[in-house]
N, C-alpha and C. Protein backbone atom coordinates (compact mmCIF):
# COMPACT_ATOMS: atom_id res chain seq x y z
N MET A 1 13.58 102.50 6.23
CA MET A 1 12.80 101.31 5.98
C MET A 1 13.17 100.69 4.63
N GLU A 2 13.40 101.55 3.63
CA GLU A 2 13.75 101.04 2.31
C GLU A 2 15.12 100.37 2.33
N ASN A 3 16.06 100.90 3.12
CA ASN A 3 17.38 100.29 3.21
C ASN A 3 17.33 98.90 3.82
N ILE A 4 16.49 98.71 4.82
CA ILE A 4 16.38 97.41 5.46
C ILE A 4 15.80 96.38 4.49
N LEU A 5 14.77 96.75 3.76
CA LEU A 5 14.17 95.86 2.77
C LEU A 5 15.18 95.49 1.68
N PHE A 6 15.94 96.47 1.24
CA PHE A 6 16.95 96.24 0.22
C PHE A 6 18.04 95.31 0.74
N LYS A 7 18.44 95.47 1.99
CA LYS A 7 19.47 94.61 2.57
C LYS A 7 18.97 93.16 2.73
N ILE A 8 17.74 92.99 3.15
CA ILE A 8 17.18 91.64 3.29
C ILE A 8 17.09 90.95 1.94
N LEU A 9 16.62 91.67 0.93
CA LEU A 9 16.53 91.12 -0.42
C LEU A 9 17.92 90.79 -0.97
N SER A 10 18.88 91.62 -0.71
CA SER A 10 20.26 91.37 -1.15
C SER A 10 20.84 90.15 -0.46
N PHE A 11 20.55 89.99 0.83
CA PHE A 11 21.05 88.83 1.56
C PHE A 11 20.45 87.53 1.02
N ILE A 12 19.15 87.53 0.73
CA ILE A 12 18.49 86.34 0.17
C ILE A 12 19.08 85.99 -1.18
N LEU A 13 19.31 86.99 -2.02
CA LEU A 13 19.92 86.76 -3.33
C LEU A 13 21.35 86.25 -3.18
N LEU A 14 22.09 86.77 -2.22
CA LEU A 14 23.46 86.32 -1.97
C LEU A 14 23.49 84.85 -1.55
N VAL A 15 22.58 84.46 -0.67
CA VAL A 15 22.52 83.07 -0.24
C VAL A 15 22.19 82.16 -1.42
N ALA A 16 21.26 82.59 -2.25
CA ALA A 16 20.87 81.78 -3.41
C ALA A 16 22.05 81.61 -4.37
N LEU A 17 22.77 82.67 -4.60
CA LEU A 17 23.87 82.60 -5.57
C LEU A 17 25.11 81.90 -5.01
N LEU A 18 25.38 82.05 -3.73
CA LEU A 18 26.59 81.46 -3.17
C LEU A 18 26.44 80.01 -2.74
N PHE A 19 25.25 79.60 -2.37
CA PHE A 19 25.08 78.26 -1.82
C PHE A 19 24.18 77.36 -2.67
N ILE A 20 23.04 77.85 -3.06
CA ILE A 20 22.07 77.01 -3.75
C ILE A 20 22.51 76.71 -5.18
N ALA A 21 22.98 77.70 -5.91
CA ALA A 21 23.37 77.48 -7.31
C ALA A 21 24.52 76.47 -7.44
N PRO A 22 25.61 76.59 -6.67
CA PRO A 22 26.67 75.57 -6.80
C PRO A 22 26.21 74.18 -6.35
N LEU A 23 25.40 74.12 -5.31
CA LEU A 23 24.88 72.83 -4.86
C LEU A 23 24.01 72.20 -5.94
N TYR A 24 23.16 72.99 -6.56
CA TYR A 24 22.29 72.50 -7.63
C TYR A 24 23.12 71.99 -8.82
N ASN A 25 24.14 72.73 -9.19
CA ASN A 25 25.02 72.33 -10.29
C ASN A 25 25.73 71.01 -9.96
N MET A 26 26.21 70.87 -8.73
CA MET A 26 26.89 69.64 -8.31
C MET A 26 25.94 68.44 -8.36
N LEU A 27 24.70 68.64 -7.91
CA LEU A 27 23.74 67.55 -7.90
C LEU A 27 23.33 67.14 -9.32
N LEU A 28 23.24 68.10 -10.23
CA LEU A 28 22.94 67.76 -11.62
C LEU A 28 24.08 66.97 -12.25
N ARG A 29 25.30 67.33 -11.94
CA ARG A 29 26.45 66.56 -12.44
C ARG A 29 26.46 65.16 -11.85
N GLN A 30 26.08 65.03 -10.60
CA GLN A 30 26.00 63.72 -9.97
C GLN A 30 24.95 62.86 -10.67
N ASP A 31 23.83 63.45 -11.06
CA ASP A 31 22.80 62.71 -11.79
C ASP A 31 23.32 62.20 -13.13
N ILE A 32 24.14 63.00 -13.80
CA ILE A 32 24.73 62.59 -15.08
C ILE A 32 25.66 61.39 -14.86
N ILE A 33 26.44 61.44 -13.79
CA ILE A 33 27.36 60.33 -13.48
C ILE A 33 26.56 59.07 -13.14
N ILE A 34 25.48 59.21 -12.40
CA ILE A 34 24.63 58.06 -12.07
C ILE A 34 24.05 57.45 -13.34
N GLN A 35 23.56 58.28 -14.26
CA GLN A 35 22.99 57.79 -15.51
C GLN A 35 24.05 57.05 -16.32
N GLN A 36 25.27 57.58 -16.38
CA GLN A 36 26.34 56.92 -17.11
C GLN A 36 26.72 55.58 -16.46
N THR A 37 26.75 55.54 -15.15
CA THR A 37 27.06 54.30 -14.43
C THR A 37 26.01 53.23 -14.71
N VAL A 38 24.75 53.62 -14.68
CA VAL A 38 23.66 52.67 -14.93
C VAL A 38 23.72 52.18 -16.38
N ASN A 39 23.93 53.08 -17.33
CA ASN A 39 24.03 52.67 -18.73
C ASN A 39 25.18 51.69 -18.93
N TYR A 40 26.33 51.98 -18.35
CA TYR A 40 27.50 51.11 -18.50
C TYR A 40 27.22 49.73 -17.90
N SER A 41 26.62 49.68 -16.72
CA SER A 41 26.35 48.40 -16.06
C SER A 41 25.36 47.56 -16.85
N VAL A 42 24.32 48.20 -17.38
CA VAL A 42 23.32 47.47 -18.17
C VAL A 42 23.95 46.92 -19.45
N GLU A 43 24.72 47.75 -20.14
CA GLU A 43 25.36 47.29 -21.37
C GLU A 43 26.36 46.17 -21.09
N LYS A 44 27.07 46.26 -19.98
CA LYS A 44 28.07 45.24 -19.63
C LYS A 44 27.42 43.89 -19.37
N VAL A 45 26.34 43.85 -18.60
CA VAL A 45 25.69 42.57 -18.28
C VAL A 45 25.01 41.99 -19.52
N VAL A 46 24.44 42.82 -20.36
CA VAL A 46 23.79 42.33 -21.58
C VAL A 46 24.82 41.78 -22.55
N ASP A 47 25.90 42.51 -22.77
CA ASP A 47 26.94 42.03 -23.68
C ASP A 47 27.56 40.73 -23.18
N SER A 48 27.77 40.63 -21.90
CA SER A 48 28.34 39.41 -21.32
C SER A 48 27.40 38.23 -21.52
N ALA A 49 26.11 38.41 -21.27
CA ALA A 49 25.13 37.32 -21.44
C ALA A 49 24.99 36.93 -22.91
N ARG A 50 25.01 37.90 -23.80
CA ARG A 50 24.90 37.60 -25.23
C ARG A 50 26.12 36.85 -25.74
N GLU A 51 27.29 37.19 -25.24
CA GLU A 51 28.52 36.52 -25.67
C GLU A 51 28.63 35.12 -25.09
N CYS A 52 28.26 34.94 -23.83
CA CYS A 52 28.40 33.64 -23.16
C CYS A 52 27.27 32.69 -23.49
N GLY A 53 26.08 33.21 -23.71
CA GLY A 53 24.92 32.35 -23.94
C GLY A 53 24.22 31.98 -22.65
N TYR A 54 24.58 32.62 -21.57
CA TYR A 54 23.94 32.37 -20.27
C TYR A 54 24.19 33.56 -19.36
N ILE A 55 23.42 33.58 -18.27
CA ILE A 55 23.65 34.56 -17.21
C ILE A 55 23.68 33.78 -15.90
N THR A 56 24.70 34.07 -15.10
CA THR A 56 24.84 33.37 -13.82
C THR A 56 24.37 34.27 -12.68
N LEU A 57 24.21 33.65 -11.54
CA LEU A 57 23.81 34.41 -10.35
C LEU A 57 24.88 35.43 -9.97
N ASN A 58 26.15 35.07 -10.13
CA ASN A 58 27.24 36.02 -9.83
C ASN A 58 27.20 37.22 -10.77
N MET A 59 26.95 36.98 -12.06
CA MET A 59 26.84 38.08 -13.02
C MET A 59 25.70 39.01 -12.62
N TYR A 60 24.57 38.42 -12.26
CA TYR A 60 23.40 39.20 -11.87
C TYR A 60 23.66 39.98 -10.59
N ASN A 61 24.26 39.32 -9.59
CA ASN A 61 24.54 40.00 -8.32
C ASN A 61 25.54 41.14 -8.50
N ASP A 62 26.57 40.93 -9.32
CA ASP A 62 27.53 42.01 -9.60
C ASP A 62 26.84 43.19 -10.26
N PHE A 63 25.95 42.90 -11.20
CA PHE A 63 25.19 43.94 -11.89
C PHE A 63 24.33 44.73 -10.90
N VAL A 64 23.59 44.01 -10.06
CA VAL A 64 22.72 44.68 -9.08
C VAL A 64 23.56 45.51 -8.11
N TYR A 65 24.70 44.99 -7.68
CA TYR A 65 25.58 45.73 -6.76
C TYR A 65 26.08 47.03 -7.40
N GLU A 66 26.51 46.95 -8.66
CA GLU A 66 27.00 48.15 -9.36
C GLU A 66 25.91 49.20 -9.46
N VAL A 67 24.72 48.78 -9.79
CA VAL A 67 23.61 49.71 -9.99
C VAL A 67 23.15 50.30 -8.66
N MET A 68 23.05 49.46 -7.65
CA MET A 68 22.58 49.94 -6.35
C MET A 68 23.62 50.81 -5.64
N SER A 69 24.88 50.73 -6.07
CA SER A 69 25.90 51.58 -5.46
C SER A 69 25.71 53.06 -5.80
N THR A 70 24.81 53.36 -6.72
CA THR A 70 24.52 54.76 -7.05
C THR A 70 23.66 55.43 -5.99
N GLY A 71 23.08 54.63 -5.07
CA GLY A 71 22.29 55.21 -3.98
C GLY A 71 20.83 55.40 -4.31
N THR A 72 20.36 54.81 -5.42
CA THR A 72 18.97 54.93 -5.83
C THR A 72 18.39 53.53 -5.98
N ASP A 73 17.11 53.38 -5.69
CA ASP A 73 16.45 52.09 -5.89
C ASP A 73 15.95 51.99 -7.33
N TYR A 74 15.99 50.77 -7.88
CA TYR A 74 15.62 50.56 -9.27
C TYR A 74 14.68 49.38 -9.41
N ASP A 75 13.88 49.42 -10.46
CA ASP A 75 13.06 48.30 -10.89
C ASP A 75 13.81 47.68 -12.07
N ILE A 76 14.31 46.45 -11.90
CA ILE A 76 15.12 45.79 -12.91
C ILE A 76 14.29 44.71 -13.57
N LYS A 77 14.25 44.73 -14.91
CA LYS A 77 13.52 43.72 -15.67
C LYS A 77 14.48 43.02 -16.63
N LEU A 78 14.58 41.72 -16.50
CA LEU A 78 15.34 40.90 -17.43
C LEU A 78 14.32 40.24 -18.35
N LYS A 79 14.51 40.39 -19.66
CA LYS A 79 13.57 39.82 -20.62
C LYS A 79 14.31 38.90 -21.58
N HIS A 80 13.72 37.73 -21.79
CA HIS A 80 14.28 36.75 -22.73
C HIS A 80 13.19 36.44 -23.75
N PHE A 81 13.45 36.82 -25.00
CA PHE A 81 12.54 36.51 -26.08
C PHE A 81 13.07 35.25 -26.75
N LYS A 82 12.47 34.12 -26.42
CA LYS A 82 12.94 32.82 -26.92
C LYS A 82 12.36 32.58 -28.30
N LYS A 83 13.25 32.26 -29.24
CA LYS A 83 12.83 32.03 -30.62
C LYS A 83 12.37 30.58 -30.76
N TYR A 84 11.21 30.41 -31.37
CA TYR A 84 10.72 29.07 -31.65
C TYR A 84 10.12 29.04 -33.06
N TYR A 85 10.13 27.86 -33.62
CA TYR A 85 9.65 27.67 -34.98
C TYR A 85 8.37 26.84 -34.96
N TYR A 86 7.48 27.13 -35.90
CA TYR A 86 6.25 26.37 -36.02
C TYR A 86 5.88 26.26 -37.50
N GLU A 87 5.07 25.24 -37.79
CA GLU A 87 4.65 25.01 -39.17
C GLU A 87 3.24 25.52 -39.34
N GLU A 88 3.05 26.30 -40.39
CA GLU A 88 1.74 26.85 -40.68
C GLU A 88 1.48 26.72 -42.17
N GLU A 89 0.50 25.90 -42.53
CA GLU A 89 0.11 25.65 -43.91
C GLU A 89 1.30 25.20 -44.76
N GLY A 90 2.07 24.28 -44.23
CA GLY A 90 3.19 23.72 -44.97
C GLY A 90 4.45 24.56 -44.97
N GLU A 91 4.42 25.73 -44.36
CA GLU A 91 5.60 26.60 -44.30
C GLU A 91 6.03 26.78 -42.85
N PHE A 92 7.32 26.87 -42.66
CA PHE A 92 7.83 27.09 -41.32
C PHE A 92 7.98 28.58 -41.06
N SER A 93 7.57 28.98 -39.88
CA SER A 93 7.68 30.38 -39.47
C SER A 93 8.36 30.43 -38.11
N ALA A 94 8.88 31.58 -37.78
CA ALA A 94 9.54 31.79 -36.49
C ALA A 94 8.80 32.87 -35.72
N ASP A 95 8.81 32.71 -34.42
CA ASP A 95 8.18 33.69 -33.54
C ASP A 95 8.95 33.70 -32.22
N TYR A 96 8.63 34.64 -31.35
CA TYR A 96 9.31 34.74 -30.07
C TYR A 96 8.29 34.66 -28.95
N SER A 97 8.66 34.01 -27.86
CA SER A 97 7.84 34.03 -26.65
C SER A 97 8.66 34.69 -25.54
N LEU A 98 7.99 35.44 -24.71
CA LEU A 98 8.64 36.27 -23.70
C LEU A 98 8.74 35.55 -22.36
N TYR A 99 9.93 35.59 -21.77
CA TYR A 99 10.16 35.04 -20.44
C TYR A 99 10.77 36.15 -19.58
N THR A 100 10.16 36.43 -18.43
CA THR A 100 10.71 37.45 -17.52
C THR A 100 10.95 36.88 -16.13
N ASP A 101 9.89 36.44 -15.48
CA ASP A 101 10.02 35.93 -14.11
C ASP A 101 10.82 34.64 -14.05
N GLU A 102 10.79 33.86 -15.14
CA GLU A 102 11.51 32.59 -15.17
C GLU A 102 13.02 32.79 -15.03
N ILE A 103 13.51 33.93 -15.50
CA ILE A 103 14.96 34.19 -15.46
C ILE A 103 15.43 34.29 -14.01
N THR A 104 14.80 35.13 -13.22
CA THR A 104 15.23 35.30 -11.83
C THR A 104 14.96 34.04 -11.01
N GLU A 105 13.88 33.32 -11.32
CA GLU A 105 13.62 32.06 -10.62
C GLU A 105 14.74 31.07 -10.87
N ALA A 106 15.14 30.92 -12.14
CA ALA A 106 16.22 29.98 -12.48
C ALA A 106 17.54 30.42 -11.87
N LEU A 107 17.79 31.73 -11.85
CA LEU A 107 19.04 32.22 -11.27
C LEU A 107 19.13 31.88 -9.79
N PHE A 108 18.06 32.08 -9.05
CA PHE A 108 18.12 31.86 -7.61
C PHE A 108 17.99 30.38 -7.24
N LEU A 109 17.37 29.58 -8.10
CA LEU A 109 17.24 28.15 -7.81
C LEU A 109 18.43 27.35 -8.34
N GLU A 110 18.82 27.60 -9.59
CA GLU A 110 19.87 26.81 -10.23
C GLU A 110 21.20 27.53 -10.32
N GLY A 111 21.20 28.85 -10.20
CA GLY A 111 22.43 29.63 -10.27
C GLY A 111 22.84 30.02 -11.68
N ILE A 112 22.06 29.59 -12.69
CA ILE A 112 22.39 29.92 -14.08
C ILE A 112 21.11 29.88 -14.91
N TYR A 113 21.06 30.73 -15.93
CA TYR A 113 19.95 30.74 -16.89
C TYR A 113 20.55 30.71 -18.28
N TYR A 114 20.19 29.71 -19.06
CA TYR A 114 20.76 29.52 -20.39
C TYR A 114 19.93 30.22 -21.46
N LEU A 115 20.63 30.74 -22.46
CA LEU A 115 20.03 31.36 -23.63
C LEU A 115 20.48 30.57 -24.86
N ASN A 116 19.72 30.65 -25.94
CA ASN A 116 20.06 29.97 -27.18
C ASN A 116 20.44 30.98 -28.25
N VAL A 117 21.24 30.52 -29.21
CA VAL A 117 21.62 31.38 -30.33
C VAL A 117 20.34 31.81 -31.06
N GLY A 118 20.24 33.10 -31.36
CA GLY A 118 19.08 33.63 -32.05
C GLY A 118 18.03 34.21 -31.13
N ASP A 119 18.10 33.89 -29.84
CA ASP A 119 17.17 34.49 -28.87
C ASP A 119 17.54 35.95 -28.66
N LEU A 120 16.60 36.70 -28.13
CA LEU A 120 16.86 38.10 -27.78
C LEU A 120 16.89 38.22 -26.26
N PHE A 121 17.87 38.96 -25.75
CA PHE A 121 18.00 39.19 -24.32
C PHE A 121 18.03 40.69 -24.09
N VAL A 122 17.15 41.18 -23.22
CA VAL A 122 17.00 42.61 -22.97
C VAL A 122 16.97 42.87 -21.47
N VAL A 123 17.66 43.92 -21.03
CA VAL A 123 17.60 44.36 -19.65
C VAL A 123 17.09 45.80 -19.63
N GLU A 124 16.06 46.04 -18.84
CA GLU A 124 15.51 47.38 -18.65
C GLU A 124 15.61 47.72 -17.17
N ILE A 125 15.98 48.96 -16.90
CA ILE A 125 16.12 49.41 -15.52
C ILE A 125 15.56 50.82 -15.43
N ILE A 126 14.77 51.07 -14.39
CA ILE A 126 14.20 52.40 -14.19
C ILE A 126 14.21 52.70 -12.69
N SER A 127 14.57 53.93 -12.35
CA SER A 127 14.63 54.30 -10.94
C SER A 127 13.23 54.43 -10.37
N THR A 128 13.07 53.98 -9.15
CA THR A 128 11.76 54.05 -8.49
C THR A 128 11.65 55.26 -7.57
N GLU A 129 12.76 55.92 -7.32
CA GLU A 129 12.75 57.12 -6.49
C GLU A 129 13.68 58.15 -7.12
N GLY A 130 13.51 59.38 -6.75
CA GLY A 130 14.32 60.45 -7.30
C GLY A 130 15.66 60.58 -6.61
N THR A 131 16.63 61.08 -7.36
CA THR A 131 17.93 61.39 -6.78
C THR A 131 17.85 62.76 -6.11
N LEU A 132 18.93 63.15 -5.44
CA LEU A 132 18.93 64.47 -4.81
C LEU A 132 18.79 65.58 -5.84
N GLY A 133 19.43 65.40 -6.99
CA GLY A 133 19.32 66.40 -8.07
C GLY A 133 17.89 66.52 -8.59
N MET A 134 17.23 65.40 -8.75
CA MET A 134 15.83 65.42 -9.19
C MET A 134 14.94 66.10 -8.17
N ASN A 135 15.16 65.75 -6.90
CA ASN A 135 14.34 66.35 -5.83
C ASN A 135 14.56 67.86 -5.74
N MET A 136 15.81 68.30 -5.92
CA MET A 136 16.08 69.74 -5.85
C MET A 136 15.48 70.46 -7.06
N THR A 137 15.53 69.83 -8.23
CA THR A 137 14.91 70.42 -9.42
C THR A 137 13.41 70.59 -9.20
N GLU A 138 12.79 69.57 -8.65
CA GLU A 138 11.35 69.66 -8.37
C GLU A 138 11.05 70.78 -7.38
N ALA A 139 11.89 70.91 -6.36
CA ALA A 139 11.66 71.94 -5.33
C ALA A 139 11.86 73.35 -5.88
N LEU A 140 12.90 73.53 -6.71
CA LEU A 140 13.20 74.87 -7.22
C LEU A 140 12.24 75.31 -8.32
N THR A 141 11.83 74.36 -9.15
CA THR A 141 10.96 74.74 -10.28
C THR A 141 9.49 74.60 -9.95
N GLY A 142 9.16 73.83 -8.91
CA GLY A 142 7.77 73.66 -8.55
C GLY A 142 7.03 72.69 -9.46
N THR A 143 7.76 71.95 -10.26
CA THR A 143 7.12 70.99 -11.16
C THR A 143 6.89 69.68 -10.43
N GLY A 144 6.18 68.79 -11.10
CA GLY A 144 5.90 67.48 -10.54
C GLY A 144 7.11 66.57 -10.65
N LYS A 145 6.84 65.30 -10.77
CA LYS A 145 7.90 64.28 -10.80
C LYS A 145 8.78 64.48 -12.02
N SER A 146 10.09 64.46 -11.80
CA SER A 146 11.05 64.63 -12.89
C SER A 146 11.32 63.29 -13.56
N THR A 147 12.03 63.33 -14.67
CA THR A 147 12.32 62.14 -15.45
C THR A 147 13.21 61.19 -14.66
N PRO A 148 12.79 59.93 -14.52
CA PRO A 148 13.61 58.98 -13.77
C PRO A 148 14.83 58.52 -14.57
N ILE A 149 15.75 57.89 -13.87
CA ILE A 149 16.91 57.30 -14.53
C ILE A 149 16.43 56.02 -15.21
N PHE A 150 16.74 55.89 -16.49
CA PHE A 150 16.25 54.77 -17.28
C PHE A 150 17.36 54.29 -18.20
N ALA A 151 17.48 52.98 -18.33
CA ALA A 151 18.44 52.41 -19.27
C ALA A 151 17.87 51.12 -19.82
N ARG A 152 18.15 50.88 -21.09
CA ARG A 152 17.72 49.64 -21.75
C ARG A 152 18.82 49.22 -22.71
N ALA A 153 19.12 47.95 -22.69
CA ALA A 153 20.09 47.39 -23.63
C ALA A 153 19.67 45.97 -23.93
N GLY A 154 20.03 45.51 -25.11
CA GLY A 154 19.69 44.16 -25.47
C GLY A 154 20.15 43.83 -26.87
N GLY A 155 19.92 42.60 -27.25
CA GLY A 155 20.27 42.17 -28.58
C GLY A 155 20.19 40.67 -28.71
N MET A 156 20.60 40.20 -29.86
CA MET A 156 20.53 38.77 -30.16
C MET A 156 21.69 38.03 -29.52
N VAL A 157 21.39 36.85 -28.98
CA VAL A 157 22.39 36.00 -28.35
C VAL A 157 23.29 35.45 -29.45
N LEU A 158 24.61 35.57 -29.25
CA LEU A 158 25.57 35.19 -30.28
C LEU A 158 26.15 33.81 -30.08
N ASN A 159 26.29 33.35 -28.86
CA ASN A 159 26.87 32.05 -28.56
C ASN A 159 25.94 31.26 -27.66
N GLU A 160 26.17 29.96 -27.62
CA GLU A 160 25.33 29.08 -26.83
C GLU A 160 26.22 28.12 -26.06
N ASN A 161 26.02 28.03 -24.76
CA ASN A 161 26.82 27.14 -23.92
C ASN A 161 25.89 26.34 -23.01
N ASN A 162 25.27 25.34 -23.56
CA ASN A 162 24.37 24.50 -22.75
C ASN A 162 25.06 23.27 -22.28
């Protein structure tokens, strides 16, 4: 009876070491590649928009295609902090107003969204579902929701093409 129990336990350990561990390692590496792809795509679209002074529908669609090719769904937020000046007690001050929904509306209606020099343009992206690596980590460790894929890039607009 003890030999049978020992053989069953050995077989379970063998399966875990030969199949589950390499699969888990491969999925974790895939998650790293997905994170790098998302970071690169976000930085590329932000740098392009900051250099050009606008974002076109083609730029946006290429960005979404690159990100969605990772096989995960994302919540994408485009933020435009428009700089404006106002006079207060005889002195001029500057402030920013935030535009988010207006960007995608302009892209789909007009095909282009213009930015001004000095404005801030930011793209944030976060995964709405887990990857296979995240799901396997949750299953093996018994923990709750794992850290989603997240990327943020942005900066001041350098050129203006209106």
